[in-house]
Amino acid sequence: MANVEKFEIQTTARNQMIDITKYVEMAVKKSGVKNGICVIHIPHTTAGVTINENADLDVCDDIIFHLNTLIPNLKTFKHFERNSDSHLKSSIIGCSQTVIIENGELLLGRWQGIYFCEFDGERHRKFFVKIIEG
């Protein structure tokens, strides 16, 4: 049995991380799957998804700060939209994550959350959650 849920969010700025854990948990509950896997997929080339600390939001700020340090928005990039840095950050972070479902719950660590990473500014975005029983 496999179910897929589509979620839409509005991002508010370039280079931000939004906790989407509650959306993913809702999809798991709605599916009724007790044991399996959950795949979170971001269908955008300038956004990504990661699993990281959710107890101290300074970690998200630090991640964004250092990604910006490693990959600044250089005027020498050739891409006509001037957002090559966003594409590079998306490629590094990745567009999907997989989480185990056990007893109807995401098997996340105590301090882990699932984050939608926006690298290209204020946008209307979507992400998909696919639940696979097994």
N, C-alpha and C. Protein backbone atom coordinates (compact mmCIF):
# COMPACT_ATOMS: atom_id res chain seq x y z
N MET A 1 0.85 -1.19 0.00
CA MET A 1 0.00 0.00 0.00
C MET A 1 0.89 1.24 0.00
N ALA A 2 0.62 2.15 -0.88
CA ALA A 2 1.39 3.39 -0.93
C ALA A 2 0.44 4.56 -1.10
N ASN A 3 0.64 5.58 -0.29
CA ASN A 3 -0.16 6.80 -0.34
C ASN A 3 0.76 7.99 -0.56
N VAL A 4 0.25 8.99 -1.27
CA VAL A 4 1.05 10.20 -1.45
C VAL A 4 0.18 11.40 -1.08
N GLU A 5 0.78 12.33 -0.36
CA GLU A 5 0.12 13.57 0.04
C GLU A 5 0.91 14.73 -0.54
N LYS A 6 0.18 15.72 -1.03
CA LYS A 6 0.80 16.94 -1.54
C LYS A 6 0.52 18.06 -0.55
N PHE A 7 1.54 18.80 -0.20
CA PHE A 7 1.41 19.95 0.70
C PHE A 7 1.92 21.19 -0.02
N GLU A 8 1.32 22.32 0.28
CA GLU A 8 1.75 23.59 -0.27
C GLU A 8 2.08 24.54 0.87
N ILE A 9 3.17 25.25 0.71
CA ILE A 9 3.59 26.24 1.71
C ILE A 9 4.02 27.51 1.00
N GLN A 10 3.98 28.59 1.74
CA GLN A 10 4.47 29.88 1.24
C GLN A 10 5.75 30.20 2.00
N THR A 11 6.84 30.33 1.28
CA THR A 11 8.08 30.75 1.93
C THR A 11 8.12 32.27 1.94
N THR A 12 8.88 32.83 2.84
CA THR A 12 8.85 34.28 3.03
C THR A 12 10.17 34.99 2.70
N ALA A 13 11.23 34.21 2.48
CA ALA A 13 12.52 34.84 2.25
C ALA A 13 13.47 33.86 1.56
N ARG A 14 14.51 34.43 1.00
CA ARG A 14 15.59 33.64 0.43
C ARG A 14 16.40 33.06 1.59
N ASN A 15 16.85 31.82 1.46
CA ASN A 15 17.71 31.19 2.45
C ASN A 15 17.04 31.08 3.82
N GLN A 16 16.04 30.22 3.89
CA GLN A 16 15.37 29.96 5.15
C GLN A 16 15.05 28.49 5.27
N MET A 17 14.88 28.02 6.50
CA MET A 17 14.49 26.65 6.79
C MET A 17 13.17 26.66 7.53
N ILE A 18 12.22 25.87 7.04
CA ILE A 18 10.88 25.82 7.62
C ILE A 18 10.62 24.41 8.13
N ASP A 19 10.27 24.29 9.39
CA ASP A 19 9.98 22.98 10.00
C ASP A 19 8.68 22.43 9.41
N ILE A 20 8.75 21.32 8.71
CA ILE A 20 7.57 20.69 8.11
C ILE A 20 7.25 19.35 8.77
N THR A 21 7.85 19.09 9.91
CA THR A 21 7.65 17.81 10.60
C THR A 21 6.18 17.53 10.83
N LYS A 22 5.41 18.52 11.27
CA LYS A 22 3.99 18.29 11.59
C LYS A 22 3.20 17.86 10.36
N TYR A 23 3.54 18.39 9.19
CA TYR A 23 2.86 18.00 7.95
C TYR A 23 3.15 16.53 7.63
N VAL A 24 4.40 16.14 7.80
CA VAL A 24 4.79 14.77 7.51
C VAL A 24 4.11 13.82 8.51
N GLU A 25 4.08 14.20 9.77
CA GLU A 25 3.39 13.39 10.78
C GLU A 25 1.91 13.24 10.45
N MET A 26 1.28 14.31 9.97
CA MET A 26 -0.14 14.24 9.58
C MET A 26 -0.34 13.24 8.45
N ALA A 27 0.56 13.24 7.49
CA ALA A 27 0.45 12.31 6.36
C ALA A 27 0.58 10.86 6.84
N VAL A 28 1.48 10.63 7.77
CA VAL A 28 1.65 9.28 8.32
C VAL A 28 0.38 8.84 9.04
N LYS A 29 -0.15 9.68 9.90
CA LYS A 29 -1.38 9.36 10.63
C LYS A 29 -2.54 9.09 9.67
N LYS A 30 -2.71 9.96 8.67
CA LYS A 30 -3.80 9.83 7.71
C LYS A 30 -3.70 8.52 6.93
N SER A 31 -2.48 8.07 6.65
CA SER A 31 -2.28 6.85 5.87
C SER A 31 -2.71 5.60 6.62
N GLY A 32 -2.62 5.66 7.95
CA GLY A 32 -2.93 4.47 8.75
C GLY A 32 -1.83 3.43 8.76
N VAL A 33 -0.73 3.70 8.08
CA VAL A 33 0.38 2.75 8.03
C VAL A 33 1.07 2.71 9.39
N LYS A 34 1.27 1.50 9.90
CA LYS A 34 1.91 1.33 11.21
C LYS A 34 3.41 1.11 11.08
N ASN A 35 3.82 0.42 10.03
CA ASN A 35 5.24 0.14 9.83
C ASN A 35 5.56 0.27 8.35
N GLY A 36 6.63 1.00 8.05
CA GLY A 36 7.03 1.20 6.67
C GLY A 36 8.04 2.31 6.56
N ILE A 37 7.97 3.03 5.46
CA ILE A 37 8.86 4.17 5.26
C ILE A 37 8.07 5.36 4.73
N CYS A 38 8.63 6.51 4.95
CA CYS A 38 8.03 7.77 4.51
C CYS A 38 9.10 8.50 3.71
N VAL A 39 8.74 8.89 2.49
CA VAL A 39 9.67 9.63 1.64
C VAL A 39 9.13 11.05 1.48
N ILE A 40 9.97 12.02 1.76
CA ILE A 40 9.63 13.43 1.59
C ILE A 40 10.39 13.92 0.37
N HIS A 41 9.66 14.48 -0.60
CA HIS A 41 10.29 14.90 -1.86
C HIS A 41 9.93 16.36 -2.17
N ILE A 42 10.94 17.14 -2.54
CA ILE A 42 10.78 18.54 -2.91
C ILE A 42 10.99 18.64 -4.43
N PRO A 43 9.94 19.01 -5.20
CA PRO A 43 10.06 19.05 -6.66
C PRO A 43 10.51 20.41 -7.20
N HIS A 44 11.52 21.00 -6.59
CA HIS A 44 12.02 22.31 -7.01
C HIS A 44 13.53 22.25 -7.12
N THR A 45 14.11 23.00 -8.05
CA THR A 45 15.56 22.98 -8.25
C THR A 45 16.30 24.01 -7.41
N THR A 46 15.57 24.82 -6.65
CA THR A 46 16.22 25.82 -5.79
C THR A 46 15.73 25.70 -4.35
N ALA A 47 15.31 24.50 -3.98
CA ALA A 47 14.87 24.22 -2.60
C ALA A 47 15.33 22.80 -2.27
N GLY A 48 15.26 22.45 -1.01
CA GLY A 48 15.68 21.12 -0.59
C GLY A 48 14.99 20.71 0.69
N VAL A 49 15.37 19.55 1.19
CA VAL A 49 14.82 19.04 2.45
C VAL A 49 15.96 18.39 3.23
N THR A 50 15.96 18.63 4.53
CA THR A 50 16.97 18.04 5.40
C THR A 50 16.35 17.67 6.73
N ILE A 51 17.02 16.80 7.45
CA ILE A 51 16.63 16.44 8.81
C ILE A 51 17.74 16.93 9.72
N ASN A 52 17.35 17.72 10.73
CA ASN A 52 18.37 18.27 11.63
C ASN A 52 17.73 18.71 12.93
N GLU A 53 18.51 19.36 13.75
CA GLU A 53 18.12 19.83 15.09
C GLU A 53 16.84 20.65 15.07
N ASN A 54 15.90 20.32 15.96
CA ASN A 54 14.69 21.13 16.07
C ASN A 54 14.47 21.71 17.46
N ALA A 55 15.44 21.54 18.34
CA ALA A 55 15.31 22.08 19.69
C ALA A 55 15.89 23.49 19.79
N ASP A 56 16.88 23.79 19.00
CA ASP A 56 17.54 25.10 19.03
C ASP A 56 17.55 25.66 17.61
N LEU A 57 16.72 26.65 17.34
CA LEU A 57 16.60 27.21 15.99
C LEU A 57 17.87 27.91 15.52
N ASP A 58 18.79 28.18 16.44
CA ASP A 58 20.07 28.76 16.03
C ASP A 58 20.82 27.82 15.08
N VAL A 59 20.56 26.51 15.18
CA VAL A 59 21.21 25.56 14.28
C VAL A 59 20.81 25.86 12.84
N CYS A 60 19.52 26.11 12.60
CA CYS A 60 19.06 26.46 11.25
C CYS A 60 19.75 27.73 10.76
N ASP A 61 19.83 28.72 11.62
CA ASP A 61 20.53 29.97 11.25
C ASP A 61 21.98 29.69 10.91
N ASP A 62 22.63 28.83 11.69
CA ASP A 62 24.03 28.50 11.44
C ASP A 62 24.20 27.76 10.11
N ILE A 63 23.28 26.83 9.82
CA ILE A 63 23.35 26.10 8.54
C ILE A 63 23.24 27.08 7.38
N ILE A 64 22.24 27.94 7.43
CA ILE A 64 22.05 28.92 6.36
C ILE A 64 23.26 29.85 6.24
N PHE A 65 23.75 30.34 7.37
CA PHE A 65 24.91 31.23 7.36
C PHE A 65 26.10 30.57 6.66
N HIS A 66 26.37 29.32 7.01
CA HIS A 66 27.55 28.66 6.45
C HIS A 66 27.34 28.22 5.00
N LEU A 67 26.11 27.86 4.63
CA LEU A 67 25.86 27.60 3.22
C LEU A 67 26.10 28.88 2.40
N ASN A 68 25.67 30.02 2.94
CA ASN A 68 25.89 31.30 2.25
C ASN A 68 27.37 31.65 2.17
N THR A 69 28.12 31.26 3.19
CA THR A 69 29.56 31.49 3.20
C THR A 69 30.24 30.61 2.15
N LEU A 70 29.83 29.34 2.11
CA LEU A 70 30.42 28.39 1.16
C LEU A 70 30.00 28.69 -0.28
N ILE A 71 28.75 29.15 -0.45
CA ILE A 71 28.21 29.36 -1.79
C ILE A 71 27.55 30.74 -1.85
N PRO A 72 28.34 31.79 -1.99
CA PRO A 72 27.75 33.13 -2.10
C PRO A 72 27.10 33.32 -3.48
N ASN A 73 26.25 34.30 -3.59
CA ASN A 73 25.60 34.62 -4.86
C ASN A 73 26.55 35.50 -5.68
N LEU A 74 27.39 34.86 -6.45
CA LEU A 74 28.44 35.56 -7.19
C LEU A 74 27.92 36.17 -8.48
N LYS A 75 28.39 37.35 -8.79
CA LYS A 75 28.02 38.01 -10.04
C LYS A 75 28.64 37.30 -11.24
N THR A 76 29.63 36.47 -11.01
CA THR A 76 30.31 35.76 -12.10
C THR A 76 29.55 34.51 -12.56
N PHE A 77 28.51 34.10 -11.84
CA PHE A 77 27.70 32.97 -12.30
C PHE A 77 27.07 33.31 -13.64
N LYS A 78 26.98 32.35 -14.52
CA LYS A 78 26.48 32.58 -15.88
C LYS A 78 24.97 32.46 -16.01
N HIS A 79 24.31 31.75 -15.11
CA HIS A 79 22.87 31.50 -15.21
C HIS A 79 22.11 32.82 -15.25
N PHE A 80 21.25 33.00 -16.25
CA PHE A 80 20.59 34.29 -16.49
C PHE A 80 19.65 34.72 -15.36
N GLU A 81 19.13 33.78 -14.58
CA GLU A 81 18.22 34.16 -13.48
C GLU A 81 18.96 34.67 -12.24
N ARG A 82 20.27 34.59 -12.25
CA ARG A 82 21.11 35.08 -11.15
C ARG A 82 20.86 34.34 -9.84
N ASN A 83 20.50 33.07 -9.92
CA ASN A 83 20.25 32.30 -8.70
C ASN A 83 21.01 30.97 -8.70
N SER A 84 22.16 30.95 -9.33
CA SER A 84 22.95 29.72 -9.36
C SER A 84 23.32 29.25 -7.96
N ASP A 85 23.51 30.19 -7.04
CA ASP A 85 23.81 29.78 -5.67
C ASP A 85 22.67 28.95 -5.09
N SER A 86 21.43 29.28 -5.43
CA SER A 86 20.27 28.53 -4.95
C SER A 86 20.26 27.11 -5.52
N HIS A 87 20.62 26.98 -6.80
CA HIS A 87 20.69 25.66 -7.42
C HIS A 87 21.79 24.81 -6.78
N LEU A 88 22.92 25.41 -6.50
CA LEU A 88 24.03 24.68 -5.87
C LEU A 88 23.66 24.22 -4.46
N LYS A 89 23.04 25.10 -3.68
CA LYS A 89 22.62 24.73 -2.31
C LYS A 89 21.61 23.60 -2.35
N SER A 90 20.66 23.67 -3.29
CA SER A 90 19.67 22.60 -3.44
C SER A 90 20.35 21.27 -3.75
N SER A 91 21.33 21.30 -4.64
CA SER A 91 22.03 20.08 -5.00
C SER A 91 22.80 19.49 -3.82
N ILE A 92 23.38 20.35 -3.00
CA ILE A 92 24.14 19.87 -1.83
C ILE A 92 23.20 19.30 -0.77
N ILE A 93 22.13 19.99 -0.45
CA ILE A 93 21.19 19.54 0.59
C ILE A 93 20.39 18.34 0.10
N GLY A 94 19.95 18.37 -1.14
CA GLY A 94 19.18 17.27 -1.71
C GLY A 94 17.70 17.55 -1.71
N CYS A 95 16.98 16.80 -2.54
CA CYS A 95 15.55 17.05 -2.72
C CYS A 95 14.66 15.99 -2.07
N SER A 96 15.24 15.01 -1.38
CA SER A 96 14.40 14.02 -0.71
C SER A 96 15.08 13.46 0.54
N GLN A 97 14.22 12.97 1.44
CA GLN A 97 14.66 12.31 2.66
C GLN A 97 13.74 11.12 2.89
N THR A 98 14.24 10.10 3.54
CA THR A 98 13.45 8.92 3.89
C THR A 98 13.50 8.73 5.39
N VAL A 99 12.33 8.47 5.99
CA VAL A 99 12.25 8.24 7.43
C VAL A 99 11.48 6.93 7.67
N ILE A 100 11.95 6.14 8.58
CA ILE A 100 11.28 4.89 8.95
C ILE A 100 10.02 5.21 9.76
N ILE A 101 8.97 4.45 9.51
CA ILE A 101 7.74 4.53 10.32
C ILE A 101 7.68 3.27 11.17
N GLU A 102 7.52 3.44 12.46
CA GLU A 102 7.40 2.31 13.38
C GLU A 102 6.26 2.58 14.34
N ASN A 103 5.34 1.64 14.44
CA ASN A 103 4.15 1.78 15.30
C ASN A 103 3.38 3.07 14.99
N GLY A 104 3.29 3.42 13.71
CA GLY A 104 2.52 4.59 13.28
C GLY A 104 3.19 5.93 13.53
N GLU A 105 4.45 5.93 13.91
CA GLU A 105 5.18 7.17 14.23
C GLU A 105 6.46 7.25 13.40
N LEU A 106 6.85 8.48 13.08
CA LEU A 106 8.15 8.69 12.43
C LEU A 106 9.25 8.32 13.41
N LEU A 107 10.22 7.59 12.94
CA LEU A 107 11.33 7.18 13.79
C LEU A 107 12.46 8.22 13.69
N LEU A 108 12.16 9.41 14.26
CA LEU A 108 13.12 10.50 14.30
C LEU A 108 13.81 10.51 15.66
N GLY A 109 15.01 11.02 15.70
CA GLY A 109 15.71 11.17 16.96
C GLY A 109 15.06 12.25 17.82
N ARG A 110 15.39 12.26 19.08
CA ARG A 110 14.79 13.17 20.05
C ARG A 110 14.84 14.63 19.61
N TRP A 111 15.93 15.04 19.00
CA TRP A 111 16.11 16.44 18.64
C TRP A 111 15.94 16.69 17.15
N GLN A 112 15.44 15.72 16.40
CA GLN A 112 15.36 15.87 14.95
C GLN A 112 14.01 16.43 14.48
N GLY A 113 14.10 17.26 13.45
CA GLY A 113 12.93 17.76 12.74
C GLY A 113 13.21 17.71 11.25
N ILE A 114 12.16 17.80 10.46
CA ILE A 114 12.27 17.77 9.00
C ILE A 114 12.08 19.20 8.50
N TYR A 115 13.02 19.68 7.71
CA TYR A 115 13.02 21.07 7.27
C TYR A 115 12.96 21.22 5.75
N PHE A 116 12.01 22.05 5.30
CA PHE A 116 11.99 22.52 3.92
C PHE A 116 13.00 23.66 3.85
N CYS A 117 13.93 23.57 2.93
CA CYS A 117 14.98 24.59 2.80
C CYS A 117 14.70 25.43 1.55
N GLU A 118 14.41 26.68 1.75
CA GLU A 118 14.16 27.63 0.66
C GLU A 118 15.44 28.40 0.38
N PHE A 119 15.93 28.32 -0.86
CA PHE A 119 17.16 29.01 -1.21
C PHE A 119 16.98 30.13 -2.21
N ASP A 120 15.73 30.36 -2.68
CA ASP A 120 15.57 31.29 -3.79
C ASP A 120 14.55 32.40 -3.54
N GLY A 121 14.17 32.63 -2.33
CA GLY A 121 13.31 33.78 -2.06
C GLY A 121 11.87 33.43 -1.77
N GLU A 122 11.06 34.43 -1.66
CA GLU A 122 9.64 34.26 -1.37
C GLU A 122 8.99 33.51 -2.53
N ARG A 123 8.42 32.35 -2.21
CA ARG A 123 7.84 31.49 -3.26
C ARG A 123 6.65 30.72 -2.72
N HIS A 124 5.77 30.33 -3.64
CA HIS A 124 4.72 29.36 -3.33
C HIS A 124 5.32 28.01 -3.69
N ARG A 125 5.47 27.14 -2.71
CA ARG A 125 6.17 25.87 -2.92
C ARG A 125 5.26 24.70 -2.58
N LYS A 126 5.68 23.53 -3.03
CA LYS A 126 4.97 22.31 -2.68
C LYS A 126 5.99 21.24 -2.32
N PHE A 127 5.51 20.25 -1.60
CA PHE A 127 6.32 19.06 -1.34
C PHE A 127 5.39 17.86 -1.23
N PHE A 128 5.95 16.70 -1.46
CA PHE A 128 5.18 15.46 -1.45
C PHE A 128 5.69 14.53 -0.36
N VAL A 129 4.75 13.82 0.23
CA VAL A 129 5.07 12.81 1.23
C VAL A 129 4.45 11.50 0.75
N LYS A 130 5.27 10.50 0.55
CA LYS A 130 4.81 9.18 0.11
C LYS A 130 5.03 8.19 1.24
N ILE A 131 3.97 7.49 1.59
CA ILE A 131 4.02 6.51 2.67
C ILE A 131 3.97 5.12 2.03
N ILE A 132 4.93 4.29 2.39
CA ILE A 132 5.01 2.93 1.86
C ILE A 132 4.95 1.95 3.02
N GLU A 133 3.96 1.10 2.98
CA GLU A 133 3.79 0.11 4.05
C GLU A 133 4.73 -1.05 3.83
N GLY A 134 5.22 -1.58 4.94
CA GLY A 134 6.07 -2.77 4.78
C GLY A 134 6.89 -3.10 5.93
